[in-house]
Amino acid sequence: MKKETIFLELMNDGQAPVYANHNDAGADVFASEDFVLCPGETKVLPLKIKVALPDHLEMQVRPRSGLSLKTSLRIPNSPGTVDAGYRDEVGIILENSYNLSLLPYEMLRNPSLLDTIKKDYEILFPMDIEAVFTVYKGEHYETPQLLNLSPFLILDENHHPYGTIYIEKGMKIAQVVFNEVIKGEFEEIEDVTTKGTNRGGGYGSTGL
């Protein structure tokens, strides 16, 4: 297995990427702080690391399979690219893709979920507008118009909506993979079908 030296600068609370196994392609990277991601939010989680890559490499940021399978956490620009010339702090763009409209179907699959919500969450209805705005004072999540469109709000003990993802400092949040870069040299010609073989079609022309 080929190895390359990656120069790494650790900022406060930053951790070096770690390979869980000697032959893994991806190295785990870690959350540098506690992080809250409400449903529908997309934010950057700082890793508190900086890297200097050789000119022939890129560092790709990819999701961890367990988080993708078991949670609504997504990396929307996956794979994200850190170029060789980038020297600033590396961050991970994270999206919470949870949709509250799925909750009734989750309750059908798991009837005990309703008991959990009644026990551990606060349910606010549109007539509780004052209560909602007290909870969300200074925030931007809800407006009277949105409340009229939603039958209810379900808030956890921290007053965040049901489906909020809590990321703890030090949690494995993504993985990075190093790839060799091939740089294209572009040459304009009259007709690209004169080069190579034109298979014809596209966008599903051979089936779904």
C-alpha atoms as a PDB file:
ATOM      1  CA  MET A   1       0.000   0.000   0.000  1.00  0.00           C
ATOM      2  CA  LYS A   2       1.408   3.366  -1.079  1.00  0.00           C
ATOM      3  CA  LYS A   3       1.952   5.974   1.643  1.00  0.00           C
ATOM      4  CA  GLU A   4       2.282   9.763   1.452  1.00  0.00           C
ATOM      5  CA  THR A   5       3.250  12.298   4.095  1.00  0.00           C
ATOM      6  CA  ILE A   6       0.345  14.616   4.937  1.00  0.00           C
ATOM      7  CA  PHE A   7       1.396  17.668   6.941  1.00  0.00           C
ATOM      8  CA  LEU A   8      -1.121  18.381   9.677  1.00  0.00           C
ATOM      9  CA  GLU A   9      -1.686  21.380  11.963  1.00  0.00           C
ATOM     10  CA  LEU A  10      -3.861  20.769  15.020  1.00  0.00           C
ATOM     11  CA  MET A  11      -5.803  23.727  16.386  1.00  0.00           C
ATOM     12  CA  ASN A  12      -7.393  23.811  19.848  1.00  0.00           C
ATOM     13  CA  ASP A  13      -9.466  20.627  20.382  1.00  0.00           C
ATOM     14  CA  GLY A  14      -8.512  19.228  16.975  1.00  0.00           C
ATOM     15  CA  GLN A  15      -7.648  15.533  16.606  1.00  0.00           C
ATOM     16  CA  ALA A  16      -5.538  13.862  13.953  1.00  0.00           C
ATOM     17  CA  PRO A  17      -7.412  11.529  11.567  1.00  0.00           C
ATOM     18  CA  VAL A  18      -7.134   7.867  12.555  1.00  0.00           C
ATOM     19  CA  TYR A  19      -7.234   4.680  10.484  1.00  0.00           C
ATOM     20  CA  ALA A  20      -9.206   2.051  12.408  1.00  0.00           C
ATOM     21  CA  ASN A  21      -7.450  -0.766  10.523  1.00  0.00           C
ATOM     22  CA  HIS A  22      -4.098  -0.876   8.752  1.00  0.00           C
ATOM     23  CA  ASN A  23      -5.692  -1.497   5.341  1.00  0.00           C
ATOM     24  CA  ASP A  24      -8.651   0.910   5.555  1.00  0.00           C
ATOM     25  CA  ALA A  25      -9.046   3.386   2.697  1.00  0.00           C
ATOM     26  CA  GLY A  26     -10.603   6.057   4.907  1.00  0.00           C
ATOM     27  CA  ALA A  27      -9.308   7.674   8.092  1.00  0.00           C
ATOM     28  CA  ASP A  28     -11.869   8.750  10.691  1.00  0.00           C
ATOM     29  CA  VAL A  29     -12.124  12.442  11.572  1.00  0.00           C
ATOM     30  CA  PHE A  30     -13.622  13.739  14.804  1.00  0.00           C
ATOM     31  CA  ALA A  31     -15.990  16.489  15.923  1.00  0.00           C
ATOM     32  CA  SER A  32     -14.028  19.248  17.654  1.00  0.00           C
ATOM     33  CA  GLU A  33     -17.030  20.503  19.648  1.00  0.00           C
ATOM     34  CA  ASP A  34     -20.544  19.635  20.727  1.00  0.00           C
ATOM     35  CA  PHE A  35     -22.820  20.333  17.777  1.00  0.00           C
ATOM     36  CA  VAL A  36     -26.600  20.544  17.352  1.00  0.00           C
ATOM     37  CA  LEU A  37     -28.280  20.021  13.983  1.00  0.00           C
ATOM     38  CA  CYS A  38     -32.050  20.486  13.811  1.00  0.00           C
ATOM     39  CA  PRO A  39     -34.142  18.826  11.074  1.00  0.00           C
ATOM     40  CA  GLY A  40     -33.654  20.604   7.761  1.00  0.00           C
ATOM     41  CA  GLU A  41     -30.518  22.433   8.878  1.00  0.00           C
ATOM     42  CA  THR A  42     -27.236  22.427   6.970  1.00  0.00           C
ATOM     43  CA  LYS A  43     -24.182  23.703   8.841  1.00  0.00           C
ATOM     44  CA  VAL A  44     -20.400  23.361   8.846  1.00  0.00           C
ATOM     45  CA  LEU A  45     -18.825  21.380  11.677  1.00  0.00           C
ATOM     46  CA  PRO A  46     -15.229  22.555  12.223  1.00  0.00           C
ATOM     47  CA  LEU A  47     -12.603  19.850  12.659  1.00  0.00           C
ATOM     48  CA  LYS A  48      -9.971  22.248  14.027  1.00  0.00           C
ATOM     49  CA  ILE A  49      -7.327  20.831  11.697  1.00  0.00           C
ATOM     50  CA  LYS A  50      -5.378  22.233   8.752  1.00  0.00           C
ATOM     51  CA  VAL A  51      -3.564  20.150   6.153  1.00  0.00           C
ATOM     52  CA  ALA A  52      -0.883  20.655   3.522  1.00  0.00           C
ATOM     53  CA  LEU A  53      -1.175  18.122   0.710  1.00  0.00           C
ATOM     54  CA  PRO A  54       1.302  17.327  -2.060  1.00  0.00           C
ATOM     55  CA  ASP A  55       0.246  18.905  -5.358  1.00  0.00           C
ATOM     56  CA  HIS A  56      -0.733  15.553  -6.879  1.00  0.00           C
ATOM     57  CA  LEU A  57      -3.247  14.647  -4.145  1.00  0.00           C
ATOM     58  CA  GLU A  58      -6.732  15.685  -3.038  1.00  0.00           C
ATOM     59  CA  MET A  59      -8.364  14.826   0.285  1.00  0.00           C
ATOM     60  CA  GLN A  60     -11.957  13.650  -0.096  1.00  0.00           C
ATOM     61  CA  VAL A  61     -14.481  13.877   2.737  1.00  0.00           C
ATOM     62  CA  ARG A  62     -16.972  11.009   2.782  1.00  0.00           C
ATOM     63  CA  PRO A  63     -19.800   9.863   5.084  1.00  0.00           C
ATOM     64  CA  ARG A  64     -19.379   7.045   7.569  1.00  0.00           C
ATOM     65  CA  SER A  65     -21.623   4.151   6.557  1.00  0.00           C
ATOM     66  CA  GLY A  66     -23.022   3.564  10.059  1.00  0.00           C
ATOM     67  CA  LEU A  67     -24.181   7.164  10.452  1.00  0.00           C
ATOM     68  CA  SER A  68     -25.729   7.159   6.980  1.00  0.00           C
ATOM     69  CA  LEU A  69     -27.619   3.924   7.661  1.00  0.00           C
ATOM     70  CA  LYS A  70     -28.802   4.582  11.214  1.00  0.00           C
ATOM     71  CA  THR A  71     -29.379   8.351  11.307  1.00  0.00           C
ATOM     72  CA  SER A  72     -30.640  11.208   9.142  1.00  0.00           C
ATOM     73  CA  LEU A  73     -27.172  12.799   9.112  1.00  0.00           C
ATOM     74  CA  ARG A  74     -25.887  13.464   5.589  1.00  0.00           C
ATOM     75  CA  ILE A  75     -22.862  15.061   3.923  1.00  0.00           C
ATOM     76  CA  PRO A  76     -24.674  16.789   1.040  1.00  0.00           C
ATOM     77  CA  ASN A  77     -21.606  17.567  -1.081  1.00  0.00           C
ATOM     78  CA  SER A  78     -20.135  14.087  -0.695  1.00  0.00           C
ATOM     79  CA  PRO A  79     -17.454  13.545  -1.634  1.00  0.00           C
ATOM     80  CA  GLY A  80     -16.212  16.933  -0.531  1.00  0.00           C
ATOM     81  CA  THR A  81     -12.779  17.895  -1.825  1.00  0.00           C
ATOM     82  CA  VAL A  82      -9.884  19.563  -0.022  1.00  0.00           C
ATOM     83  CA  ASP A  83      -7.481  20.802  -2.698  1.00  0.00           C
ATOM     84  CA  ALA A  84      -3.712  20.673  -2.396  1.00  0.00           C
ATOM     85  CA  GLY A  85      -3.536  24.468  -2.254  1.00  0.00           C
ATOM     86  CA  TYR A  86      -6.004  24.842   0.644  1.00  0.00           C
ATOM     87  CA  ARG A  87      -4.383  25.814   3.943  1.00  0.00           C
ATOM     88  CA  ASP A  88      -7.326  26.990   6.045  1.00  0.00           C
ATOM     89  CA  GLU A  89      -9.323  25.020   8.602  1.00  0.00           C
ATOM     90  CA  VAL A  90     -11.086  21.899   7.351  1.00  0.00           C
ATOM     91  CA  GLY A  91     -14.791  21.595   8.103  1.00  0.00           C
ATOM     92  CA  ILE A  92     -17.514  19.088   7.271  1.00  0.00           C
ATOM     93  CA  ILE A  93     -20.777  20.259   5.689  1.00  0.00           C
ATOM     94  CA  LEU A  94     -23.513  18.370   7.551  1.00  0.00           C
ATOM     95  CA  GLU A  95     -27.237  18.146   6.823  1.00  0.00           C
ATOM     96  CA  ASN A  96     -30.004  16.763   9.020  1.00  0.00           C
ATOM     97  CA  SER A  97     -32.383  15.297   6.439  1.00  0.00           C
ATOM     98  CA  TYR A  98     -35.058  14.206   8.933  1.00  0.00           C
ATOM     99  CA  ASN A  99     -38.638  15.056   7.900  1.00  0.00           C
ATOM    100  CA  LEU A 100     -41.257  15.214  10.657  1.00  0.00           C
ATOM    101  CA  SER A 101     -43.941  14.090   8.193  1.00  0.00           C
ATOM    102  CA  LEU A 102     -42.387  10.606   8.433  1.00  0.00           C
ATOM    103  CA  LEU A 103     -43.199  10.349  12.143  1.00  0.00           C
ATOM    104  CA  PRO A 104     -46.662   8.696  11.743  1.00  0.00           C
ATOM    105  CA  TYR A 105     -45.103   5.937   9.637  1.00  0.00           C
ATOM    106  CA  GLU A 106     -42.350   5.451  12.218  1.00  0.00           C
ATOM    107  CA  MET A 107     -45.053   5.041  14.875  1.00  0.00           C
ATOM    108  CA  LEU A 108     -46.773   2.395  12.750  1.00  0.00           C
ATOM    109  CA  ARG A 109     -43.519   0.448  12.582  1.00  0.00           C
ATOM    110  CA  ASN A 110     -42.739   1.048  16.258  1.00  0.00           C
ATOM    111  CA  PRO A 111     -45.886   1.680  18.372  1.00  0.00           C
ATOM    112  CA  SER A 112     -43.809   2.273  21.523  1.00  0.00           C
ATOM    113  CA  LEU A 113     -42.435   5.439  19.917  1.00  0.00           C
ATOM    114  CA  LEU A 114     -45.645   7.295  20.796  1.00  0.00           C
ATOM    115  CA  ASP A 115     -45.164   6.488  24.491  1.00  0.00           C
ATOM    116  CA  THR A 116     -41.569   7.715  24.285  1.00  0.00           C
ATOM    117  CA  ILE A 117     -42.665  11.008  22.744  1.00  0.00           C
ATOM    118  CA  LYS A 118     -45.376  11.539  25.360  1.00  0.00           C
ATOM    119  CA  LYS A 119     -42.875  10.827  28.133  1.00  0.00           C
ATOM    120  CA  ASP A 120     -39.777  12.656  26.916  1.00  0.00           C
ATOM    121  CA  TYR A 121     -41.041  15.439  24.640  1.00  0.00           C
ATOM    122  CA  GLU A 122     -43.273  18.507  24.801  1.00  0.00           C
ATOM    123  CA  ILE A 123     -46.043  18.745  22.208  1.00  0.00           C
ATOM    124  CA  LEU A 124     -47.139  22.253  21.188  1.00  0.00           C
ATOM    125  CA  PHE A 125     -50.167  22.932  19.006  1.00  0.00           C
ATOM    126  CA  PRO A 126     -50.874  26.052  16.880  1.00  0.00           C
ATOM    127  CA  MET A 127     -53.012  27.607  19.633  1.00  0.00           C
ATOM    128  CA  ASP A 128     -49.868  27.628  21.822  1.00  0.00           C
ATOM    129  CA  ILE A 129     -48.227  30.332  19.702  1.00  0.00           C
ATOM    130  CA  GLU A 130     -47.057  32.361  22.707  1.00  0.00           C
ATOM    131  CA  ALA A 131     -45.466  29.286  24.239  1.00  0.00           C
ATOM    132  CA  VAL A 132     -43.738  28.482  20.967  1.00  0.00           C
ATOM    133  CA  PHE A 133     -42.283  31.953  20.609  1.00  0.00           C
ATOM    134  CA  THR A 134     -41.100  31.849  24.216  1.00  0.00           C
ATOM    135  CA  VAL A 135     -39.266  28.620  23.446  1.00  0.00           C
ATOM    136  CA  TYR A 136     -37.805  29.972  20.212  1.00  0.00           C
ATOM    137  CA  LYS A 137     -37.039  33.491  21.417  1.00  0.00           C
ATOM    138  CA  GLY A 138     -34.243  34.883  19.296  1.00  0.00           C
ATOM    139  CA  GLU A 139     -34.377  31.938  16.900  1.00  0.00           C
ATOM    140  CA  HIS A 140     -35.717  31.700  13.362  1.00  0.00           C
ATOM    141  CA  TYR A 141     -37.356  28.276  13.253  1.00  0.00           C
ATOM    142  CA  GLU A 142     -41.050  29.174  13.463  1.00  0.00           C
ATOM    143  CA  THR A 143     -43.408  31.911  12.312  1.00  0.00           C
ATOM    144  CA  PRO A 144     -47.188  32.174  12.789  1.00  0.00           C
ATOM    145  CA  GLN A 145     -47.583  31.278   9.122  1.00  0.00           C
ATOM    146  CA  LEU A 146     -45.556  28.098   9.500  1.00  0.00           C
ATOM    147  CA  LEU A 147     -47.420  27.168  12.666  1.00  0.00           C
ATOM    148  CA  ASN A 148     -50.724  27.349  10.786  1.00  0.00           C
ATOM    149  CA  LEU A 149     -49.349  24.848   8.268  1.00  0.00           C
ATOM    150  CA  SER A 150     -48.109  22.429  10.925  1.00  0.00           C
ATOM    151  CA  PRO A 151     -50.512  20.447  13.129  1.00  0.00           C
ATOM    152  CA  PHE A 152     -48.062  20.431  16.045  1.00  0.00           C
ATOM    153  CA  LEU A 153     -44.476  20.816  17.175  1.00  0.00           C
ATOM    154  CA  ILE A 154     -42.607  18.196  19.184  1.00  0.00           C
ATOM    155  CA  LEU A 155     -39.764  19.589  21.274  1.00  0.00           C
ATOM    156  CA  ASP A 156     -37.174  17.756  23.330  1.00  0.00           C
ATOM    157  CA  GLU A 157     -35.894  18.777  26.758  1.00  0.00           C
ATOM    158  CA  ASN A 158     -33.532  21.280  25.133  1.00  0.00           C
ATOM    159  CA  HIS A 159     -36.419  22.852  23.187  1.00  0.00           C
ATOM    160  CA  HIS A 160     -35.147  21.487  19.890  1.00  0.00           C
ATOM    161  CA  PRO A 161     -37.504  19.809  17.396  1.00  0.00           C
ATOM    162  CA  TYR A 162     -37.997  16.048  17.318  1.00  0.00           C
ATOM    163  CA  GLY A 163     -35.380  14.554  15.013  1.00  0.00           C
ATOM    164  CA  THR A 164     -32.605  16.902  16.139  1.00  0.00           C
ATOM    165  CA  ILE A 165     -29.158  15.312  15.952  1.00  0.00           C
ATOM    166  CA  TYR A 166     -26.762  15.869  18.852  1.00  0.00           C
ATOM    167  CA  ILE A 167     -23.099  15.385  17.985  1.00  0.00           C
ATOM    168  CA  GLU A 168     -20.717  15.086  20.909  1.00  0.00           C
ATOM    169  CA  LYS A 169     -17.192  16.423  20.919  1.00  0.00           C
ATOM    170  CA  GLY A 170     -14.793  13.642  19.911  1.00  0.00           C
ATOM    171  CA  MET A 171     -17.402  11.676  17.947  1.00  0.00           C
ATOM    172  CA  LYS A 172     -16.288  10.051  14.684  1.00  0.00           C
ATOM    173  CA  ILE A 173     -18.181  12.169  12.192  1.00  0.00           C
ATOM    174  CA  ALA A 174     -16.797  11.397   8.721  1.00  0.00           C
ATOM    175  CA  GLN A 175     -13.825   9.867   6.967  1.00  0.00           C
ATOM    176  CA  VAL A 176     -11.157  11.245   4.663  1.00  0.00           C
ATOM    177  CA  VAL A 177      -9.645   9.471   1.666  1.00  0.00           C
ATOM    178  CA  PHE A 178      -6.631  10.594  -0.371  1.00  0.00           C
ATOM    179  CA  ASN A 179      -6.761  10.339  -4.151  1.00  0.00           C
ATOM    180  CA  GLU A 180      -4.321  11.102  -6.934  1.00  0.00           C
ATOM    181  CA  VAL A 181      -5.344  14.015  -9.133  1.00  0.00           C
ATOM    182  CA  ILE A 182      -5.362  13.885 -12.933  1.00  0.00           C
ATOM    183  CA  LYS A 183      -5.438  17.391 -14.370  1.00  0.00           C
ATOM    184  CA  GLY A 184      -7.175  17.846 -17.697  1.00  0.00           C
ATOM    185  CA  GLU A 185      -5.658  19.874 -20.536  1.00  0.00           C
ATOM    186  CA  PHE A 186      -8.588  21.184 -22.573  1.00  0.00           C
ATOM    187  CA  GLU A 187      -8.359  21.363 -26.366  1.00  0.00           C
ATOM    188  CA  GLU A 188     -11.259  22.771 -28.376  1.00  0.00           C
ATOM    189  CA  ILE A 189     -12.270  20.837 -31.526  1.00  0.00           C
ATOM    190  CA  GLU A 190     -15.134  21.098 -34.043  1.00  0.00           C
ATOM    191  CA  ASP A 191     -16.837  17.740 -33.373  1.00  0.00           C
ATOM    192  CA  VAL A 192     -16.200  15.507 -30.352  1.00  0.00           C
ATOM    193  CA  THR A 193     -17.879  12.504 -32.061  1.00  0.00           C
ATOM    194  CA  THR A 194     -14.747  12.194 -34.203  1.00  0.00           C
ATOM    195  CA  LYS A 195     -12.835  11.111 -31.120  1.00  0.00           C
ATOM    196  CA  GLY A 196     -13.229   7.615 -29.711  1.00  0.00           C
ATOM    197  CA  THR A 197     -16.577   5.819 -29.978  1.00  0.00           C
ATOM    198  CA  ASN A 198     -19.937   7.566 -29.565  1.00  0.00           C
ATOM    199  CA  ARG A 199     -22.286   5.183 -27.755  1.00  0.00           C
ATOM    200  CA  GLY A 200     -25.269   7.522 -28.207  1.00  0.00           C
ATOM    201  CA  GLY A 201     -27.934   8.421 -25.636  1.00  0.00           C
ATOM    202  CA  GLY A 202     -27.700   9.324 -21.992  1.00  0.00           C
ATOM    203  CA  TYR A 203     -29.761  10.220 -18.907  1.00  0.00           C
ATOM    204  CA  GLY A 204     -31.199   6.722 -18.539  1.00  0.00           C
ATOM    205  CA  SER A 205     -31.222   5.805 -22.230  1.00  0.00           C
ATOM    206  CA  THR A 206     -30.056   2.271 -21.360  1.00  0.00           C
ATOM    207  CA  GLY A 207     -32.609   1.819 -18.572  1.00  0.00           C
ATOM    208  CA  LEU A 208     -33.068   2.880 -14.973  1.00  0.00           C
END
